[in-house]
């Protein structure tokens, strides 16, 4: 049975997504920093310019951020919110 979309329910779903996404953002920043440092060191040792290193590291960081941004959504799908669950339902 479909429930009414109320602000209380919306805020509960938003909060469940928000705090998980915040953790994913921090994880992406930490992993991106480590990965960027390694990539920068390797590319710098190969004699590549700072501009190329920054551009490549930026693309890698963006890809990592996008990839990790899906995780919080996956975590809340199917979650029990007390009076409702967040699920995907096939349209007939």
PDB file of N, CA and C in Angstrom:
ATOM      1  N   UNK A   1       0.829  -1.170   0.000  1.00  0.00           N
ATOM      2  CA  UNK A   1       0.000   0.000   0.000  1.00  0.00           C
ATOM      3  C   UNK A   1       0.881   1.243   0.000  1.00  0.00           C
ATOM      4  N   UNK A   2       0.558   2.177  -0.844  1.00  0.00           N
ATOM      5  CA  UNK A   2       1.336   3.404  -0.962  1.00  0.00           C
ATOM      6  C   UNK A   2       0.963   4.386   0.139  1.00  0.00           C
ATOM      7  N   UNK A   3       1.984   4.971   0.771  1.00  0.00           N
ATOM      8  CA  UNK A   3       1.753   5.959   1.830  1.00  0.00           C
ATOM      9  C   UNK A   3       1.850   7.369   1.253  1.00  0.00           C
ATOM     10  N   UNK A   4       1.224   8.297   1.945  1.00  0.00           N
ATOM     11  CA  UNK A   4       1.310   9.707   1.571  1.00  0.00           C
ATOM     12  C   UNK A   4       2.745  10.189   1.780  1.00  0.00           C
ATOM     13  N   UNK A   5       3.222  11.015   0.880  1.00  0.00           N
ATOM     14  CA  UNK A   5       4.562  11.587   1.013  1.00  0.00           C
ATOM     15  C   UNK A   5       4.440  12.836   1.879  1.00  0.00           C
ATOM     16  N   UNK A   6       4.862  12.699   3.134  1.00  0.00           N
ATOM     17  CA  UNK A   6       4.807  13.819   4.070  1.00  0.00           C
ATOM     18  C   UNK A   6       6.222  14.343   4.297  1.00  0.00           C
ATOM     19  N   UNK A   7       6.314  15.562   4.828  1.00  0.00           N
ATOM     20  CA  UNK A   7       7.635  16.131   5.106  1.00  0.00           C
ATOM     21  C   UNK A   7       8.382  15.303   6.145  1.00  0.00           C
ATOM     22  N   UNK A   8       7.669  14.764   7.114  1.00  0.00           N
ATOM     23  CA  UNK A   8       8.317  13.936   8.140  1.00  0.00           C
ATOM     24  C   UNK A   8       8.974  12.709   7.501  1.00  0.00           C
ATOM     25  N   UNK A   9       8.273  12.054   6.612  1.00  0.00           N
ATOM     26  CA  UNK A   9       8.820  10.863   5.940  1.00  0.00           C
ATOM     27  C   UNK A   9       9.966  11.244   5.012  1.00  0.00           C
ATOM     28  N   UNK A  10       9.801  12.338   4.309  1.00  0.00           N
ATOM     29  CA  UNK A  10      10.861  12.805   3.402  1.00  0.00           C
ATOM     30  C   UNK A  10      12.135  13.099   4.186  1.00  0.00           C
ATOM     31  N   UNK A  11      11.994  13.792   5.306  1.00  0.00           N
ATOM     32  CA  UNK A  11      13.168  14.141   6.125  1.00  0.00           C
ATOM     33  C   UNK A  11      13.823  12.890   6.684  1.00  0.00           C
ATOM     34  N   UNK A  12      13.066  11.891   7.052  1.00  0.00           N
ATOM     35  CA  UNK A  12      13.654  10.632   7.558  1.00  0.00           C
ATOM     36  C   UNK A  12      14.490   9.948   6.478  1.00  0.00           C
ATOM     37  N   UNK A  13      13.970   9.893   5.250  1.00  0.00           N
ATOM     38  CA  UNK A  13      14.717   9.285   4.147  1.00  0.00           C
ATOM     39  C   UNK A  13      15.930  10.138   3.808  1.00  0.00           C
ATOM     40  N   UNK A  14      15.731  11.460   3.760  1.00  0.00           N
ATOM     41  CA  UNK A  14      16.841  12.372   3.453  1.00  0.00           C
ATOM     42  C   UNK A  14      17.961  12.221   4.478  1.00  0.00           C
ATOM     43  N   UNK A  15      17.616  12.177   5.771  1.00  0.00           N
ATOM     44  CA  UNK A  15      18.636  12.052   6.809  1.00  0.00           C
ATOM     45  C   UNK A  15      19.393  10.731   6.684  1.00  0.00           C
ATOM     46  N   UNK A  16      18.657   9.662   6.411  1.00  0.00           N
ATOM     47  CA  UNK A  16      19.300   8.348   6.248  1.00  0.00           C
ATOM     48  C   UNK A  16      20.314   8.393   5.107  1.00  0.00           C
ATOM     49  N   UNK A  17      19.959   9.088   4.035  1.00  0.00           N
ATOM     50  CA  UNK A  17      20.877   9.222   2.892  1.00  0.00           C
ATOM     51  C   UNK A  17      21.996  10.201   3.233  1.00  0.00           C
ATOM     52  N   UNK A  18      21.660  11.342   3.833  1.00  0.00           N
ATOM     53  CA  UNK A  18      22.615  12.419   4.070  1.00  0.00           C
ATOM     54  C   UNK A  18      23.807  11.985   4.906  1.00  0.00           C
ATOM     55  N   UNK A  19      23.551  11.353   6.071  1.00  0.00           N
ATOM     56  CA  UNK A  19      24.689  11.024   6.927  1.00  0.00           C
ATOM     57  C   UNK A  19      25.566   9.931   6.323  1.00  0.00           C
ATOM     58  N   UNK A  20      24.935   9.015   5.594  1.00  0.00           N
ATOM     59  CA  UNK A  20      25.742   7.992   4.917  1.00  0.00           C
ATOM     60  C   UNK A  20      26.559   8.614   3.790  1.00  0.00           C
ATOM     61  N   UNK A  21      25.957   9.563   3.086  1.00  0.00           N
ATOM     62  CA  UNK A  21      26.660  10.239   2.003  1.00  0.00           C
ATOM     63  C   UNK A  21      27.805  11.088   2.543  1.00  0.00           C
ATOM     64  N   UNK A  22      27.617  11.705   3.700  1.00  0.00           N
ATOM     65  CA  UNK A  22      28.676  12.483   4.324  1.00  0.00           C
ATOM     66  C   UNK A  22      29.885  11.605   4.626  1.00  0.00           C
ATOM     67  N   UNK A  23      29.637  10.418   5.129  1.00  0.00           N
ATOM     68  CA  UNK A  23      30.729   9.472   5.388  1.00  0.00           C
ATOM     69  C   UNK A  23      31.407   9.078   4.076  1.00  0.00           C
ATOM     70  N   UNK A  24      30.606   8.852   3.016  1.00  0.00           N
ATOM     71  CA  UNK A  24      31.173   8.500   1.705  1.00  0.00           C
ATOM     72  C   UNK A  24      32.025   9.641   1.149  1.00  0.00           C
ATOM     73  N   UNK A  25      31.594  10.886   1.369  1.00  0.00           N
ATOM     74  CA  UNK A  25      32.365  12.041   0.900  1.00  0.00           C
ATOM     75  C   UNK A  25      33.710  12.111   1.612  1.00  0.00           C
ATOM     76  N   UNK A  26      33.697  11.909   2.927  1.00  0.00           N
ATOM     77  CA  UNK A  26      34.948  11.929   3.697  1.00  0.00           C
ATOM     78  C   UNK A  26      35.857  10.791   3.227  1.00  0.00           C
ATOM     79  N   UNK A  27      35.277   9.599   3.038  1.00  0.00           N
ATOM     80  CA  UNK A  27      36.072   8.455   2.559  1.00  0.00           C
ATOM     81  C   UNK A  27      36.655   8.744   1.180  1.00  0.00           C
ATOM     82  N   UNK A  28      35.849   9.340   0.303  1.00  0.00           N
ATOM     83  CA  UNK A  28      36.328   9.665  -1.046  1.00  0.00           C
ATOM     84  C   UNK A  28      37.448  10.697  -0.976  1.00  0.00           C
ATOM     85  N   UNK A  29      37.334  11.678  -0.076  1.00  0.00           N
ATOM     86  CA  UNK A  29      38.379  12.697   0.063  1.00  0.00           C
ATOM     87  C   UNK A  29      39.684  12.080   0.557  1.00  0.00           C
ATOM     88  N   UNK A  30      39.578  11.200   1.551  1.00  0.00           N
ATOM     89  CA  UNK A  30      40.786  10.557   2.093  1.00  0.00           C
ATOM     90  C   UNK A  30      41.421   9.654   1.030  1.00  0.00           C
ATOM     91  N   UNK A  31      40.600   8.786   0.425  1.00  0.00           N
ATOM     92  CA  UNK A  31      41.136   7.899  -0.619  1.00  0.00           C
ATOM     93  C   UNK A  31      41.662   8.686  -1.810  1.00  0.00           C
ATOM     94  N   UNK A  32      40.934   9.745  -2.177  1.00  0.00           N
ATOM     95  CA  UNK A  32      41.375  10.588  -3.288  1.00  0.00           C
ATOM     96  C   UNK A  32      42.692  11.278  -2.993  1.00  0.00           C
ATOM     97  N   UNK A  33      42.862  11.727  -1.753  1.00  0.00           N
ATOM     98  CA  UNK A  33      44.124  12.359  -1.373  1.00  0.00           C
ATOM     99  C   UNK A  33      45.298  11.390  -1.444  1.00  0.00           C
ATOM    100  N   UNK A  34      45.068  10.196  -0.939  1.00  0.00           N
ATOM    101  CA  UNK A  34      46.128   9.173  -0.986  1.00  0.00           C
ATOM    102  C   UNK A  34      46.434   8.791  -2.428  1.00  0.00           C
ATOM    103  N   UNK A  35      45.380   8.505  -3.181  1.00  0.00           N
ATOM    104  CA  UNK A  35      45.558   8.115  -4.580  1.00  0.00           C
ATOM    105  C   UNK A  35      46.192   9.250  -5.381  1.00  0.00           C
ATOM    106  N   UNK A  36      45.759  10.491  -5.121  1.00  0.00           N
ATOM    107  CA  UNK A  36      46.320  11.648  -5.818  1.00  0.00           C
ATOM    108  C   UNK A  36      47.799  11.826  -5.522  1.00  0.00           C
ATOM    109  N   UNK A  37      48.187  11.589  -4.274  1.00  0.00           N
ATOM    110  CA  UNK A  37      49.595  11.711  -3.896  1.00  0.00           C
ATOM    111  C   UNK A  37      50.443  10.656  -4.602  1.00  0.00           C
ATOM    112  N   UNK A  38      49.937   9.437  -4.639  1.00  0.00           N
ATOM    113  CA  UNK A  38      50.672   8.349  -5.316  1.00  0.00           C
ATOM    114  C   UNK A  38      50.779   8.636  -6.814  1.00  0.00           C
ATOM    115  N   UNK A  39      49.653   9.002  -7.426  1.00  0.00           N
ATOM    116  CA  UNK A  39      49.651   9.310  -8.863  1.00  0.00           C
ATOM    117  C   UNK A  39      50.578  10.487  -9.150  1.00  0.00           C
ATOM    118  N   UNK A  40      50.485  11.528  -8.298  1.00  0.00           N
ATOM    119  CA  UNK A  40      51.336  12.700  -8.479  1.00  0.00           C
ATOM    120  C   UNK A  40      52.811  12.362  -8.373  1.00  0.00           C
ATOM    121  N   UNK A  41      53.160  11.512  -7.412  1.00  0.00           N
ATOM    122  CA  UNK A  41      54.563  11.126  -7.237  1.00  0.00           C
ATOM    123  C   UNK A  41      55.070  10.338  -8.433  1.00  0.00           C
ATOM    124  N   UNK A  42      54.247   9.393  -8.899  1.00  0.00           N
ATOM    125  CA  UNK A  42      54.664   8.563 -10.044  1.00  0.00           C
ATOM    126  C   UNK A  42      54.775   9.419 -11.312  1.00  0.00           C
ATOM    127  N   UNK A  43      53.754  10.233 -11.563  1.00  0.00           N
ATOM    128  CA  UNK A  43      53.773  11.061 -12.774  1.00  0.00           C
ATOM    129  C   UNK A  43      54.870  12.119 -12.702  1.00  0.00           C
ATOM    130  N   UNK A  44      55.116  12.643 -11.486  1.00  0.00           N
ATOM    131  CA  UNK A  44      56.200  13.610 -11.312  1.00  0.00           C
ATOM    132  C   UNK A  44      57.550  12.967 -11.580  1.00  0.00           C
ATOM    133  N   UNK A  45      57.728  11.728 -11.106  1.00  0.00           N
ATOM    134  CA  UNK A  45      58.983  11.001 -11.340  1.00  0.00           C
ATOM    135  C   UNK A  45      59.187  10.721 -12.824  1.00  0.00           C
ATOM    136  N   UNK A  46      58.062  10.621 -13.560  1.00  0.00           N
ATOM    137  CA  UNK A  46      58.151  10.391 -15.011  1.00  0.00           C
ATOM    138  C   UNK A  46      58.357  11.694 -15.774  1.00  0.00           C
ATOM    139  N   UNK A  47      58.413  12.804 -15.062  1.00  0.00           N
ATOM    140  CA  UNK A  47      58.707  14.088 -15.678  1.00  0.00           C
ATOM    141  C   UNK A  47      57.505  14.804 -16.285  1.00  0.00           C
ATOM    142  N   UNK A  48      56.318  14.431 -15.901  1.00  0.00           N
ATOM    143  CA  UNK A  48      55.124  15.089 -16.445  1.00  0.00           C
ATOM    144  C   UNK A  48      54.908  16.433 -15.753  1.00  0.00           C
ATOM    145  N   UNK A  49      54.268  17.335 -16.451  1.00  0.00           N
ATOM    146  CA  UNK A  49      54.059  18.684 -15.915  1.00  0.00           C
ATOM    147  C   UNK A  49      52.991  18.676 -14.824  1.00  0.00           C
ATOM    148  N   UNK A  50      53.058  19.715 -13.998  1.00  0.00           N
ATOM    149  CA  UNK A  50      52.084  19.869 -12.907  1.00  0.00           C
ATOM    150  C   UNK A  50      50.669  19.950 -13.460  1.00  0.00           C
ATOM    151  N   UNK A  51      50.481  20.619 -14.570  1.00  0.00           N
ATOM    152  CA  UNK A  51      49.149  20.762 -15.168  1.00  0.00           C
ATOM    153  C   UNK A  51      48.572  19.410 -15.556  1.00  0.00           C
ATOM    154  N   UNK A  52      49.373  18.572 -16.165  1.00  0.00           N
ATOM    155  CA  UNK A  52      48.920  17.235 -16.562  1.00  0.00           C
ATOM    156  C   UNK A  52      48.606  16.405 -15.322  1.00  0.00           C
ATOM    157  N   UNK A  53      49.471  16.472 -14.321  1.00  0.00           N
ATOM    158  CA  UNK A  53      49.261  15.716 -13.078  1.00  0.00           C
ATOM    159  C   UNK A  53      47.966  16.159 -12.404  1.00  0.00           C
ATOM    160  N   UNK A  54      47.749  17.481 -12.308  1.00  0.00           N
ATOM    161  CA  UNK A  54      46.530  17.995 -11.676  1.00  0.00           C
ATOM    162  C   UNK A  54      45.282  17.589 -12.452  1.00  0.00           C
ATOM    163  N   UNK A  55      45.337  17.662 -13.765  1.00  0.00           N
ATOM    164  CA  UNK A  55      44.183  17.286 -14.585  1.00  0.00           C
ATOM    165  C   UNK A  55      43.854  15.801 -14.431  1.00  0.00           C
ATOM    166  N   UNK A  56      44.866  14.966 -14.510  1.00  0.00           N
ATOM    167  CA  UNK A  56      44.658  13.520 -14.392  1.00  0.00           C
ATOM    168  C   UNK A  56      44.165  13.153 -12.992  1.00  0.00           C
ATOM    169  N   UNK A  57      44.787  13.732 -11.972  1.00  0.00           N
ATOM    170  CA  UNK A  57      44.374  13.451 -10.596  1.00  0.00           C
ATOM    171  C   UNK A  57      42.947  13.933 -10.342  1.00  0.00           C
ATOM    172  N   UNK A  58      42.592  15.071 -10.927  1.00  0.00           N
ATOM    173  CA  UNK A  58      41.226  15.586 -10.796  1.00  0.00           C
ATOM    174  C   UNK A  58      40.202  14.652 -11.402  1.00  0.00           C
ATOM    175  N   UNK A  59      40.513  14.103 -12.570  1.00  0.00           N
ATOM    176  CA  UNK A  59      39.608  13.148 -13.221  1.00  0.00           C
ATOM    177  C   UNK A  59      39.462  11.875 -12.393  1.00  0.00           C
ATOM    178  N   UNK A  60      40.567  11.387 -11.864  1.00  0.00           N
ATOM    179  CA  UNK A  60      40.532  10.187 -11.022  1.00  0.00           C
ATOM    180  C   UNK A  60      39.721  10.463  -9.754  1.00  0.00           C
ATOM    181  N   UNK A  61      39.930  11.623  -9.148  1.00  0.00           N
ATOM    182  CA  UNK A  61      39.173  11.996  -7.950  1.00  0.00           C
ATOM    183  C   UNK A  61      37.679  12.104  -8.220  1.00  0.00           C
ATOM    184  N   UNK A  62      37.319  12.697  -9.367  1.00  0.00           N
ATOM    185  CA  UNK A  62      35.905  12.819  -9.728  1.00  0.00           C
ATOM    186  C   UNK A  62      35.279  11.439  -9.940  1.00  0.00           C
ATOM    187  N   UNK A  63      35.988  10.561 -10.615  1.00  0.00           N
ATOM    188  CA  UNK A  63      35.481   9.201 -10.854  1.00  0.00           C
ATOM    189  C   UNK A  63      35.302   8.449  -9.530  1.00  0.00           C
ATOM    190  N   UNK A  64      36.245   8.612  -8.626  1.00  0.00           N
ATOM    191  CA  UNK A  64      36.151   7.975  -7.311  1.00  0.00           C
ATOM    192  C   UNK A  64      34.957   8.519  -6.533  1.00  0.00           C
ATOM    193  N   UNK A  65      34.773   9.828  -6.559  1.00  0.00           N
ATOM    194  CA  UNK A  65      33.646  10.451  -5.868  1.00  0.00           C
ATOM    195  C   UNK A  65      32.307   9.987  -6.418  1.00  0.00           C
ATOM    196  N   UNK A  66      32.204   9.907  -7.730  1.00  0.00           N
ATOM    197  CA  UNK A  66      30.962   9.448  -8.356  1.00  0.00           C
ATOM    198  C   UNK A  66      30.701   7.985  -7.999  1.00  0.00           C
ATOM    199  N   UNK A  67      31.742   7.175  -8.057  1.00  0.00           N
ATOM    200  CA  UNK A  67      31.581   5.751  -7.736  1.00  0.00           C
ATOM    201  C   UNK A  67      31.127   5.559  -6.287  1.00  0.00           C
ATOM    202  N   UNK A  68      31.707   6.302  -5.363  1.00  0.00           N
ATOM    203  CA  UNK A  68      31.345   6.142  -3.949  1.00  0.00           C
ATOM    204  C   UNK A  68      29.999   6.780  -3.617  1.00  0.00           C
ATOM    205  N   UNK A  69      29.517   7.699  -4.453  1.00  0.00           N
ATOM    206  CA  UNK A  69      28.238   8.363  -4.160  1.00  0.00           C
ATOM    207  C   UNK A  69      27.041   7.424  -4.300  1.00  0.00           C
ATOM    208  N   UNK A  70      27.214   6.307  -4.975  1.00  0.00           N
ATOM    209  CA  UNK A  70      26.137   5.343  -5.160  1.00  0.00           C
ATOM    210  C   UNK A  70      25.936   4.484  -3.907  1.00  0.00           C
ATOM    211  N   UNK A  71      26.991   4.288  -3.148  1.00  0.00           N
ATOM    212  CA  UNK A  71      26.950   3.403  -1.981  1.00  0.00           C
ATOM    213  C   UNK A  71      25.875   3.804  -0.965  1.00  0.00           C
ATOM    214  N   UNK A  72      25.775   5.091  -0.560  1.00  0.00           N
ATOM    215  CA  UNK A  72      24.734   5.447   0.421  1.00  0.00           C
ATOM    216  C   UNK A  72      23.313   5.149  -0.076  1.00  0.00           C
ATOM    217  N   UNK A  73      23.053   5.363  -1.355  1.00  0.00           N
ATOM    218  CA  UNK A  73      21.720   5.066  -1.889  1.00  0.00           C
ATOM    219  C   UNK A  73      21.448   3.572  -1.796  1.00  0.00           C
ATOM    220  N   UNK A  74      22.429   2.764  -2.134  1.00  0.00           N
ATOM    221  CA  UNK A  74      22.280   1.310  -2.049  1.00  0.00           C
ATOM    222  C   UNK A  74      21.997   0.884  -0.608  1.00  0.00           C
ATOM    223  N   UNK A  75      22.636   1.554   0.344  1.00  0.00           N
ATOM    224  CA  UNK A  75      22.471   1.201   1.752  1.00  0.00           C
ATOM    225  C   UNK A  75      21.079   1.525   2.288  1.00  0.00           C
ATOM    226  N   UNK A  76      20.413   2.557   1.755  1.00  0.00           N
ATOM    227  CA  UNK A  76      19.098   2.892   2.307  1.00  0.00           C
ATOM    228  C   UNK A  76      17.951   2.211   1.567  1.00  0.00           C
ATOM    229  N   UNK A  77      18.215   1.689   0.368  1.00  0.00           N
ATOM    230  CA  UNK A  77      17.158   0.952  -0.324  1.00  0.00           C
ATOM    231  C   UNK A  77      16.867  -0.337   0.445  1.00  0.00           C
ATOM    232  N   UNK A  78      15.626  -0.555   0.789  1.00  0.00           N
ATOM    233  CA  UNK A  78      15.237  -1.720   1.572  1.00  0.00           C
ATOM    234  C   UNK A  78      15.269  -1.475   3.068  1.00  0.00           C
ATOM    235  N   UNK A  79      15.769  -0.291   3.481  1.00  0.00           N
ATOM    236  CA  UNK A  79      15.859   0.021   4.910  1.00  0.00           C
ATOM    237  C   UNK A  79      14.471   0.182   5.518  1.00  0.00           C
ATOM    238  N   UNK A  80      14.330  -0.331   6.722  1.00  0.00           N
ATOM    239  CA  UNK A  80      13.090  -0.225   7.479  1.00  0.00           C
ATOM    240  C   UNK A  80      13.083   1.103   8.230  1.00  0.00           C
ATOM    241  N   UNK A  81      12.091   1.932   7.972  1.00  0.00           N
ATOM    242  CA  UNK A  81      11.949   3.224   8.634  1.00  0.00           C
ATOM    243  C   UNK A  81      10.821   3.203   9.666  1.00  0.00           C
ATOM    244  N   UNK A  82      10.524   2.059  10.228  1.00  0.00           N
ATOM    245  CA  UNK A  82       9.455   1.941  11.216  1.00  0.00           C
ATOM    246  C   UNK A  82       8.115   1.698  10.551  1.00  0.00           C
ATOM    247  N   UNK A  83       7.448   2.769  10.155  1.00  0.00           N
ATOM    248  CA  UNK A  83       6.129   2.625   9.539  1.00  0.00           C
ATOM    249  C   UNK A  83       6.198   2.344   8.037  1.00  0.00           C
ATOM    250  N   UNK A  84       7.388   2.405   7.442  1.00  0.00           N
ATOM    251  CA  UNK A  84       7.531   2.115   6.012  1.00  0.00           C
ATOM    252  C   UNK A  84       8.943   1.623   5.709  1.00  0.00           C
ATOM    253  N   UNK A  85       9.090   1.030   4.536  1.00  0.00           N
ATOM    254  CA  UNK A  85      10.390   0.606   4.005  1.00  0.00           C
ATOM    255  C   UNK A  85      10.594   1.311   2.677  1.00  0.00           C
ATOM    256  N   UNK A  86      11.834   1.601   2.356  1.00  0.00           N
ATOM    257  CA  UNK A  86      12.154   2.224   1.073  1.00  0.00           C
ATOM    258  C   UNK A  86      12.529   1.108   0.105  1.00  0.00           C
ATOM    259  N   UNK A  87      11.650   0.825  -0.847  1.00  0.00           N
ATOM    260  CA  UNK A  87      11.873  -0.276  -1.789  1.00  0.00           C
ATOM    261  C   UNK A  87      11.584   0.170  -3.204  1.00  0.00           C
ATOM    262  N   UNK A  88      12.070  -0.598  -4.129  1.00  0.00           N
ATOM    263  CA  UNK A  88      11.750  -0.402  -5.537  1.00  0.00           C
ATOM    264  C   UNK A  88      10.631  -1.368  -5.894  1.00  0.00           C
ATOM    265  N   UNK A  89       9.626  -0.865  -6.568  1.00  0.00           N
ATOM    266  CA  UNK A  89       8.474  -1.675  -6.936  1.00  0.00           C
ATOM    267  C   UNK A  89       8.324  -1.638  -8.449  1.00  0.00           C
ATOM    268  N   UNK A  90       8.161  -2.816  -9.032  1.00  0.00           N
ATOM    269  CA  UNK A  90       7.968  -2.903 -10.477  1.00  0.00           C
ATOM    270  C   UNK A  90       6.645  -2.247 -10.857  1.00  0.00           C
ATOM    271  N   UNK A  91       6.703  -1.433 -11.890  1.00  0.00           N
ATOM    272  CA  UNK A  91       5.499  -0.810 -12.423  1.00  0.00           C
ATOM    273  C   UNK A  91       4.794  -1.788 -13.342  1.00  0.00           C
ATOM    274  N   UNK A  92       3.517  -1.983 -13.172  1.00  0.00           N
ATOM    275  CA  UNK A  92       2.777  -2.932 -14.018  1.00  0.00           C
ATOM    276  C   UNK A  92       2.359  -2.310 -15.325  1.00  0.00           C
TER     277      UNK A  92
END
